[in-house]
Amino acid sequence: MADFKRKPGESFESFLRKFKKGLKNSKRLEKARSKKHLEPKQTKRLFKKRALSGLALSKKNEFLRKTGKLAETTRR
């Protein structure tokens, strides 16, 4: 855990800037915000359903690409 102490003679603005930067670099705030909304685990049934719909979409796009109705694109 990051420990922040104000040095003698240090202005509050500089201390606040140092605190914010340290908090951002420690990723603690990011972790807390991600845990704020709990996402349920994906079930096998839903996982398979999404995979099948993705395959169907790719088959459709491939057919359209072969027939010339969809422009040829290079994959990233």
PDB file of N, CA and C in Angstrom:
ATOM      1  N   MET A   1       0.828  -1.166   0.000  1.00  0.00           N
ATOM      2  CA  MET A   1       0.000   0.000   0.000  1.00  0.00           C
ATOM      3  C   MET A   1       0.886   1.247   0.000  1.00  0.00           C
ATOM      4  N   ALA A   2       0.474   2.222  -0.754  1.00  0.00           N
ATOM      5  CA  ALA A   2       1.235   3.460  -0.841  1.00  0.00           C
ATOM      6  C   ALA A   2       1.018   4.281   0.421  1.00  0.00           C
ATOM      7  N   ASP A   3       2.110   4.808   0.968  1.00  0.00           N
ATOM      8  CA  ASP A   3       2.029   5.615   2.176  1.00  0.00           C
ATOM      9  C   ASP A   3       2.471   7.029   1.832  1.00  0.00           C
ATOM     10  N   PHE A   4       1.615   7.995   2.092  1.00  0.00           N
ATOM     11  CA  PHE A   4       1.907   9.379   1.740  1.00  0.00           C
ATOM     12  C   PHE A   4       1.954  10.229   3.001  1.00  0.00           C
ATOM     13  N   LYS A   5       3.068  10.961   3.152  1.00  0.00           N
ATOM     14  CA  LYS A   5       3.215  11.882   4.271  1.00  0.00           C
ATOM     15  C   LYS A   5       3.670  13.217   3.728  1.00  0.00           C
ATOM     16  N   ARG A   6       3.098  14.240   4.268  1.00  0.00           N
ATOM     17  CA  ARG A   6       3.434  15.592   3.835  1.00  0.00           C
ATOM     18  C   ARG A   6       4.756  16.019   4.479  1.00  0.00           C
ATOM     19  N   LYS A   7       5.688  16.436   3.658  1.00  0.00           N
ATOM     20  CA  LYS A   7       6.994  16.864   4.145  1.00  0.00           C
ATOM     21  C   LYS A   7       6.881  18.263   4.745  1.00  0.00           C
ATOM     22  N   PRO A   8       7.738  18.586   5.694  1.00  0.00           N
ATOM     23  CA  PRO A   8       7.681  19.933   6.274  1.00  0.00           C
ATOM     24  C   PRO A   8       8.024  20.985   5.213  1.00  0.00           C
ATOM     25  N   GLY A   9       7.203  22.008   5.134  1.00  0.00           N
ATOM     26  CA  GLY A   9       7.429  23.074   4.164  1.00  0.00           C
ATOM     27  C   GLY A   9       6.834  22.790   2.797  1.00  0.00           C
ATOM     28  N   GLU A  10       6.238  21.611   2.609  1.00  0.00           N
ATOM     29  CA  GLU A  10       5.636  21.263   1.308  1.00  0.00           C
ATOM     30  C   GLU A  10       4.231  21.859   1.227  1.00  0.00           C
ATOM     31  N   SER A  11       3.909  22.445   0.097  1.00  0.00           N
ATOM     32  CA  SER A  11       2.583  23.039  -0.048  1.00  0.00           C
ATOM     33  C   SER A  11       1.537  21.941  -0.210  1.00  0.00           C
ATOM     34  N   PHE A  12       0.316  22.286   0.132  1.00  0.00           N
ATOM     35  CA  PHE A  12      -0.756  21.303   0.038  1.00  0.00           C
ATOM     36  C   PHE A  12      -1.014  20.893  -1.405  1.00  0.00           C
ATOM     37  N   GLU A  13      -0.892  21.851  -2.331  1.00  0.00           N
ATOM     38  CA  GLU A  13      -1.127  21.548  -3.748  1.00  0.00           C
ATOM     39  C   GLU A  13      -0.125  20.524  -4.275  1.00  0.00           C
ATOM     40  N   SER A  14       1.152  20.688  -3.912  1.00  0.00           N
ATOM     41  CA  SER A  14       2.162  19.735  -4.387  1.00  0.00           C
ATOM     42  C   SER A  14       1.961  18.365  -3.739  1.00  0.00           C
ATOM     43  N   PHE A  15       1.559  18.368  -2.455  1.00  0.00           N
ATOM     44  CA  PHE A  15       1.277  17.100  -1.789  1.00  0.00           C
ATOM     45  C   PHE A  15       0.092  16.390  -2.434  1.00  0.00           C
ATOM     46  N   LEU A  16      -0.958  17.156  -2.763  1.00  0.00           N
ATOM     47  CA  LEU A  16      -2.136  16.586  -3.394  1.00  0.00           C
ATOM     48  C   LEU A  16      -1.789  16.017  -4.772  1.00  0.00           C
ATOM     49  N   ARG A  17      -0.943  16.735  -5.524  1.00  0.00           N
ATOM     50  CA  ARG A  17      -0.506  16.270  -6.834  1.00  0.00           C
ATOM     51  C   ARG A  17       0.278  14.953  -6.702  1.00  0.00           C
ATOM     52  N   LYS A  18       1.165  14.898  -5.698  1.00  0.00           N
ATOM     53  CA  LYS A  18       1.963  13.686  -5.453  1.00  0.00           C
ATOM     54  C   LYS A  18       1.055  12.519  -5.038  1.00  0.00           C
ATOM     55  N   PHE A  19       0.060  12.820  -4.204  1.00  0.00           N
ATOM     56  CA  PHE A  19      -0.877  11.794  -3.747  1.00  0.00           C
ATOM     57  C   PHE A  19      -1.682  11.216  -4.910  1.00  0.00           C
ATOM     58  N   LYS A  20      -2.212  12.096  -5.768  1.00  0.00           N
ATOM     59  CA  LYS A  20      -3.005  11.637  -6.909  1.00  0.00           C
ATOM     60  C   LYS A  20      -2.172  10.790  -7.867  1.00  0.00           C
ATOM     61  N   LYS A  21      -0.940  11.219  -8.107  1.00  0.00           N
ATOM     62  CA  LYS A  21      -0.063  10.479  -9.017  1.00  0.00           C
ATOM     63  C   LYS A  21       0.281   9.109  -8.435  1.00  0.00           C
ATOM     64  N   GLY A  22       0.558   9.073  -7.145  1.00  0.00           N
ATOM     65  CA  GLY A  22       0.873   7.801  -6.488  1.00  0.00           C
ATOM     66  C   GLY A  22      -0.319   6.859  -6.484  1.00  0.00           C
ATOM     67  N   LEU A  23      -1.501   7.406  -6.268  1.00  0.00           N
ATOM     68  CA  LEU A  23      -2.719   6.594  -6.261  1.00  0.00           C
ATOM     69  C   LEU A  23      -2.987   6.022  -7.644  1.00  0.00           C
ATOM     70  N   LYS A  24      -2.758   6.830  -8.677  1.00  0.00           N
ATOM     71  CA  LYS A  24      -2.971   6.378 -10.049  1.00  0.00           C
ATOM     72  C   LYS A  24      -1.973   5.281 -10.421  1.00  0.00           C
ATOM     73  N   ASN A  25      -0.723   5.438 -10.007  1.00  0.00           N
ATOM     74  CA  ASN A  25       0.311   4.457 -10.335  1.00  0.00           C
ATOM     75  C   ASN A  25       0.139   3.156  -9.563  1.00  0.00           C
ATOM     76  N   SER A  26      -0.467   3.195  -8.381  1.00  0.00           N
ATOM     77  CA  SER A  26      -0.624   1.979  -7.585  1.00  0.00           C
ATOM     78  C   SER A  26      -1.792   1.120  -8.063  1.00  0.00           C
ATOM     79  N   LYS A  27      -2.669   1.655  -8.924  1.00  0.00           N
ATOM     80  CA  LYS A  27      -3.809   0.938  -9.507  1.00  0.00           C
ATOM     81  C   LYS A  27      -4.852   0.514  -8.474  1.00  0.00           C
ATOM     82  N   ARG A  28      -4.781   1.019  -7.268  1.00  0.00           N
ATOM     83  CA  ARG A  28      -5.739   0.640  -6.230  1.00  0.00           C
ATOM     84  C   ARG A  28      -7.132   1.182  -6.531  1.00  0.00           C
ATOM     85  N   LEU A  29      -7.183   2.414  -6.989  1.00  0.00           N
ATOM     86  CA  LEU A  29      -8.469   3.033  -7.299  1.00  0.00           C
ATOM     87  C   LEU A  29      -9.136   2.315  -8.471  1.00  0.00           C
ATOM     88  N   GLU A  30      -8.334   1.933  -9.455  1.00  0.00           N
ATOM     89  CA  GLU A  30      -8.865   1.223 -10.623  1.00  0.00           C
ATOM     90  C   GLU A  30      -9.461  -0.124 -10.221  1.00  0.00           C
ATOM     91  N   LYS A  31      -8.777  -0.845  -9.333  1.00  0.00           N
ATOM     92  CA  LYS A  31      -9.280  -2.136  -8.860  1.00  0.00           C
ATOM     93  C   LYS A  31     -10.589  -1.969  -8.092  1.00  0.00           C
ATOM     94  N   ALA A  32     -10.656  -0.953  -7.255  1.00  0.00           N
ATOM     95  CA  ALA A  32     -11.865  -0.717  -6.457  1.00  0.00           C
ATOM     96  C   ALA A  32     -13.043  -0.382  -7.359  1.00  0.00           C
ATOM     97  N   ARG A  33     -12.795   0.414  -8.394  1.00  0.00           N
ATOM     98  CA  ARG A  33     -13.877   0.777  -9.305  1.00  0.00           C
ATOM     99  C   ARG A  33     -14.334  -0.416 -10.126  1.00  0.00           C
ATOM    100  N   SER A  34     -13.419  -1.321 -10.480  1.00  0.00           N
ATOM    101  CA  SER A  34     -13.816  -2.494 -11.258  1.00  0.00           C
ATOM    102  C   SER A  34     -14.633  -3.470 -10.411  1.00  0.00           C
ATOM    103  N   LYS A  35     -14.372  -3.521  -9.114  1.00  0.00           N
ATOM    104  CA  LYS A  35     -15.114  -4.422  -8.238  1.00  0.00           C
ATOM    105  C   LYS A  35     -16.455  -3.839  -7.814  1.00  0.00           C
ATOM    106  N   LYS A  36     -16.690  -2.580  -8.156  1.00  0.00           N
ATOM    107  CA  LYS A  36     -17.931  -1.922  -7.771  1.00  0.00           C
ATOM    108  C   LYS A  36     -19.149  -2.606  -8.385  1.00  0.00           C
ATOM    109  N   HIS A  37     -19.018  -3.033  -9.630  1.00  0.00           N
ATOM    110  CA  HIS A  37     -20.108  -3.698 -10.324  1.00  0.00           C
ATOM    111  C   HIS A  37     -19.701  -5.142 -10.601  1.00  0.00           C
ATOM    112  N   LEU A  38     -20.305  -6.063  -9.903  1.00  0.00           N
ATOM    113  CA  LEU A  38     -19.979  -7.472 -10.038  1.00  0.00           C
ATOM    114  C   LEU A  38     -20.643  -8.038 -11.282  1.00  0.00           C
ATOM    115  N   GLU A  39     -19.854  -8.637 -12.155  1.00  0.00           N
ATOM    116  CA  GLU A  39     -20.403  -9.265 -13.347  1.00  0.00           C
ATOM    117  C   GLU A  39     -20.500 -10.767 -13.107  1.00  0.00           C
ATOM    118  N   PRO A  40     -21.656 -11.362 -13.383  1.00  0.00           N
ATOM    119  CA  PRO A  40     -21.807 -12.798 -13.145  1.00  0.00           C
ATOM    120  C   PRO A  40     -20.960 -13.609 -14.124  1.00  0.00           C
ATOM    121  N   LYS A  41     -20.590 -14.809 -13.692  1.00  0.00           N
ATOM    122  CA  LYS A  41     -19.810 -15.691 -14.565  1.00  0.00           C
ATOM    123  C   LYS A  41     -20.665 -16.117 -15.746  1.00  0.00           C
ATOM    124  N   GLN A  42     -20.000 -16.336 -16.869  1.00  0.00           N
ATOM    125  CA  GLN A  42     -20.713 -16.735 -18.073  1.00  0.00           C
ATOM    126  C   GLN A  42     -20.959 -18.244 -18.023  1.00  0.00           C
ATOM    127  N   THR A  43     -22.199 -18.663 -18.246  1.00  0.00           N
ATOM    128  CA  THR A  43     -22.515 -20.080 -18.209  1.00  0.00           C
ATOM    129  C   THR A  43     -22.041 -20.751 -19.494  1.00  0.00           C
ATOM    130  N   LYS A  44     -21.888 -22.077 -19.433  1.00  0.00           N
ATOM    131  CA  LYS A  44     -21.441 -22.811 -20.617  1.00  0.00           C
ATOM    132  C   LYS A  44     -22.438 -22.672 -21.760  1.00  0.00           C
ATOM    133  N   ARG A  45     -23.710 -22.692 -21.422  1.00  0.00           N
ATOM    134  CA  ARG A  45     -24.747 -22.602 -22.441  1.00  0.00           C
ATOM    135  C   ARG A  45     -24.659 -21.266 -23.180  1.00  0.00           C
ATOM    136  N   LEU A  46     -24.524 -20.187 -22.423  1.00  0.00           N
ATOM    137  CA  LEU A  46     -24.422 -18.865 -23.030  1.00  0.00           C
ATOM    138  C   LEU A  46     -23.125 -18.723 -23.823  1.00  0.00           C
ATOM    139  N   PHE A  47     -22.035 -19.293 -23.296  1.00  0.00           N
ATOM    140  CA  PHE A  47     -20.741 -19.251 -23.986  1.00  0.00           C
ATOM    141  C   PHE A  47     -20.841 -19.951 -25.343  1.00  0.00           C
ATOM    142  N   LYS A  48     -21.472 -21.134 -25.364  1.00  0.00           N
ATOM    143  CA  LYS A  48     -21.625 -21.892 -26.614  1.00  0.00           C
ATOM    144  C   LYS A  48     -22.539 -21.162 -27.590  1.00  0.00           C
ATOM    145  N   LYS A  49     -23.620 -20.561 -27.053  1.00  0.00           N
ATOM    146  CA  LYS A  49     -24.568 -19.845 -27.902  1.00  0.00           C
ATOM    147  C   LYS A  49     -23.886 -18.673 -28.607  1.00  0.00           C
ATOM    148  N   ARG A  50     -23.073 -17.918 -27.868  1.00  0.00           N
ATOM    149  CA  ARG A  50     -22.358 -16.795 -28.473  1.00  0.00           C
ATOM    150  C   ARG A  50     -21.322 -17.263 -29.487  1.00  0.00           C
ATOM    151  N   ALA A  51     -20.680 -18.376 -29.214  1.00  0.00           N
ATOM    152  CA  ALA A  51     -19.689 -18.913 -30.144  1.00  0.00           C
ATOM    153  C   ALA A  51     -20.362 -19.337 -31.447  1.00  0.00           C
ATOM    154  N   LEU A  52     -21.522 -19.979 -31.343  1.00  0.00           N
ATOM    155  CA  LEU A  52     -22.238 -20.424 -32.538  1.00  0.00           C
ATOM    156  C   LEU A  52     -22.750 -19.246 -33.354  1.00  0.00           C
ATOM    157  N   SER A  53     -23.213 -18.203 -32.671  1.00  0.00           N
ATOM    158  CA  SER A  53     -23.693 -17.030 -33.412  1.00  0.00           C
ATOM    159  C   SER A  53     -22.531 -16.336 -34.118  1.00  0.00           C
ATOM    160  N   GLY A  54     -21.362 -16.337 -33.499  1.00  0.00           N
ATOM    161  CA  GLY A  54     -20.177 -15.760 -34.138  1.00  0.00           C
ATOM    162  C   GLY A  54     -19.764 -16.545 -35.368  1.00  0.00           C
ATOM    163  N   LEU A  55     -19.854 -17.872 -35.295  1.00  0.00           N
ATOM    164  CA  LEU A  55     -19.528 -18.711 -36.449  1.00  0.00           C
ATOM    165  C   LEU A  55     -20.514 -18.488 -37.584  1.00  0.00           C
ATOM    166  N   ALA A  56     -21.794 -18.370 -37.241  1.00  0.00           N
ATOM    167  CA  ALA A  56     -22.810 -18.129 -38.263  1.00  0.00           C
ATOM    168  C   ALA A  56     -22.573 -16.786 -38.951  1.00  0.00           C
ATOM    169  N   LEU A  57     -22.234 -15.783 -38.194  1.00  0.00           N
ATOM    170  CA  LEU A  57     -21.965 -14.466 -38.764  1.00  0.00           C
ATOM    171  C   LEU A  57     -20.742 -14.498 -39.670  1.00  0.00           C
ATOM    172  N   SER A  58     -19.702 -15.207 -39.250  1.00  0.00           N
ATOM    173  CA  SER A  58     -18.505 -15.276 -40.092  1.00  0.00           C
ATOM    174  C   SER A  58     -18.786 -16.048 -41.382  1.00  0.00           C
ATOM    175  N   LYS A  59     -19.632 -17.098 -41.321  1.00  0.00           N
ATOM    176  CA  LYS A  59     -20.010 -17.837 -42.534  1.00  0.00           C
ATOM    177  C   LYS A  59     -20.780 -16.933 -43.498  1.00  0.00           C
ATOM    178  N   LYS A  60     -21.705 -16.146 -42.940  1.00  0.00           N
ATOM    179  CA  LYS A  60     -22.504 -15.232 -43.750  1.00  0.00           C
ATOM    180  C   LYS A  60     -21.614 -14.199 -44.431  1.00  0.00           C
ATOM    181  N   ASN A  61     -20.680 -13.617 -43.670  1.00  0.00           N
ATOM    182  CA  ASN A  61     -19.773 -12.625 -44.232  1.00  0.00           C
ATOM    183  C   ASN A  61     -18.869 -13.230 -45.305  1.00  0.00           C
ATOM    184  N   GLU A  62     -18.421 -14.447 -45.084  1.00  0.00           N
ATOM    185  CA  GLU A  62     -17.572 -15.120 -46.070  1.00  0.00           C
ATOM    186  C   GLU A  62     -18.342 -15.356 -47.369  1.00  0.00           C
ATOM    187  N   PHE A  63     -19.602 -15.765 -47.251  1.00  0.00           N
ATOM    188  CA  PHE A  63     -20.442 -15.981 -48.436  1.00  0.00           C
ATOM    189  C   PHE A  63     -20.631 -14.671 -49.196  1.00  0.00           C
ATOM    190  N   LEU A  64     -20.940 -13.593 -48.465  1.00  0.00           N
ATOM    191  CA  LEU A  64     -21.117 -12.282 -49.094  1.00  0.00           C
ATOM    192  C   LEU A  64     -19.825 -11.797 -49.744  1.00  0.00           C
ATOM    193  N   ARG A  65     -18.698 -12.087 -49.127  1.00  0.00           N
ATOM    194  CA  ARG A  65     -17.412 -11.689 -49.681  1.00  0.00           C
ATOM    195  C   ARG A  65     -17.124 -12.445 -50.983  1.00  0.00           C
ATOM    196  N   LYS A  66     -17.462 -13.743 -50.997  1.00  0.00           N
ATOM    197  CA  LYS A  66     -17.217 -14.562 -52.194  1.00  0.00           C
ATOM    198  C   LYS A  66     -18.131 -14.171 -53.342  1.00  0.00           C
ATOM    199  N   THR A  67     -19.358 -13.774 -53.031  1.00  0.00           N
ATOM    200  CA  THR A  67     -20.291 -13.382 -54.083  1.00  0.00           C
ATOM    201  C   THR A  67     -20.083 -11.946 -54.547  1.00  0.00           C
ATOM    202  N   GLY A  68     -19.231 -11.198 -53.870  1.00  0.00           N
ATOM    203  CA  GLY A  68     -18.906  -9.837 -54.286  1.00  0.00           C
ATOM    204  C   GLY A  68     -19.823  -8.772 -53.708  1.00  0.00           C
ATOM    205  N   LYS A  69     -20.684  -9.145 -52.785  1.00  0.00           N
ATOM    206  CA  LYS A  69     -21.597  -8.169 -52.193  1.00  0.00           C
ATOM    207  C   LYS A  69     -20.972  -7.448 -50.994  1.00  0.00           C
ATOM    208  N   LEU A  70     -19.842  -7.957 -50.517  1.00  0.00           N
ATOM    209  CA  LEU A  70     -19.136  -7.348 -49.403  1.00  0.00           C
ATOM    210  C   LEU A  70     -17.710  -7.089 -49.852  1.00  0.00           C
ATOM    211  N   ALA A  71     -17.205  -5.906 -49.562  1.00  0.00           N
ATOM    212  CA  ALA A  71     -15.866  -5.526 -50.022  1.00  0.00           C
ATOM    213  C   ALA A  71     -14.796  -6.372 -49.335  1.00  0.00           C
ATOM    214  N   GLU A  72     -13.742  -6.669 -50.087  1.00  0.00           N
ATOM    215  CA  GLU A  72     -12.610  -7.410 -49.537  1.00  0.00           C
ATOM    216  C   GLU A  72     -11.861  -6.511 -48.555  1.00  0.00           C
ATOM    217  N   THR A  73     -11.587  -7.032 -47.394  1.00  0.00           N
ATOM    218  CA  THR A  73     -10.818  -6.268 -46.401  1.00  0.00           C
ATOM    219  C   THR A  73      -9.660  -7.125 -45.915  1.00  0.00           C
ATOM    220  N   THR A  74      -8.571  -6.458 -45.579  1.00  0.00           N
ATOM    221  CA  THR A  74      -7.440  -7.185 -45.021  1.00  0.00           C
ATOM    222  C   THR A  74      -7.628  -7.273 -43.527  1.00  0.00           C
ATOM    223  N   ARG A  75      -7.288  -8.411 -42.982  1.00  0.00           N
ATOM    224  CA  ARG A  75      -7.431  -8.605 -41.539  1.00  0.00           C
ATOM    225  C   ARG A  75      -6.257  -7.988 -40.817  1.00  0.00           C
ATOM    226  N   ARG A  76      -6.510  -7.533 -39.600  1.00  0.00           N
ATOM    227  CA  ARG A  76      -5.467  -6.875 -38.813  1.00  0.00           C
ATOM    228  C   ARG A  76      -4.472  -7.867 -38.303  1.00  0.00           C
TER     229      ARG A  76
END
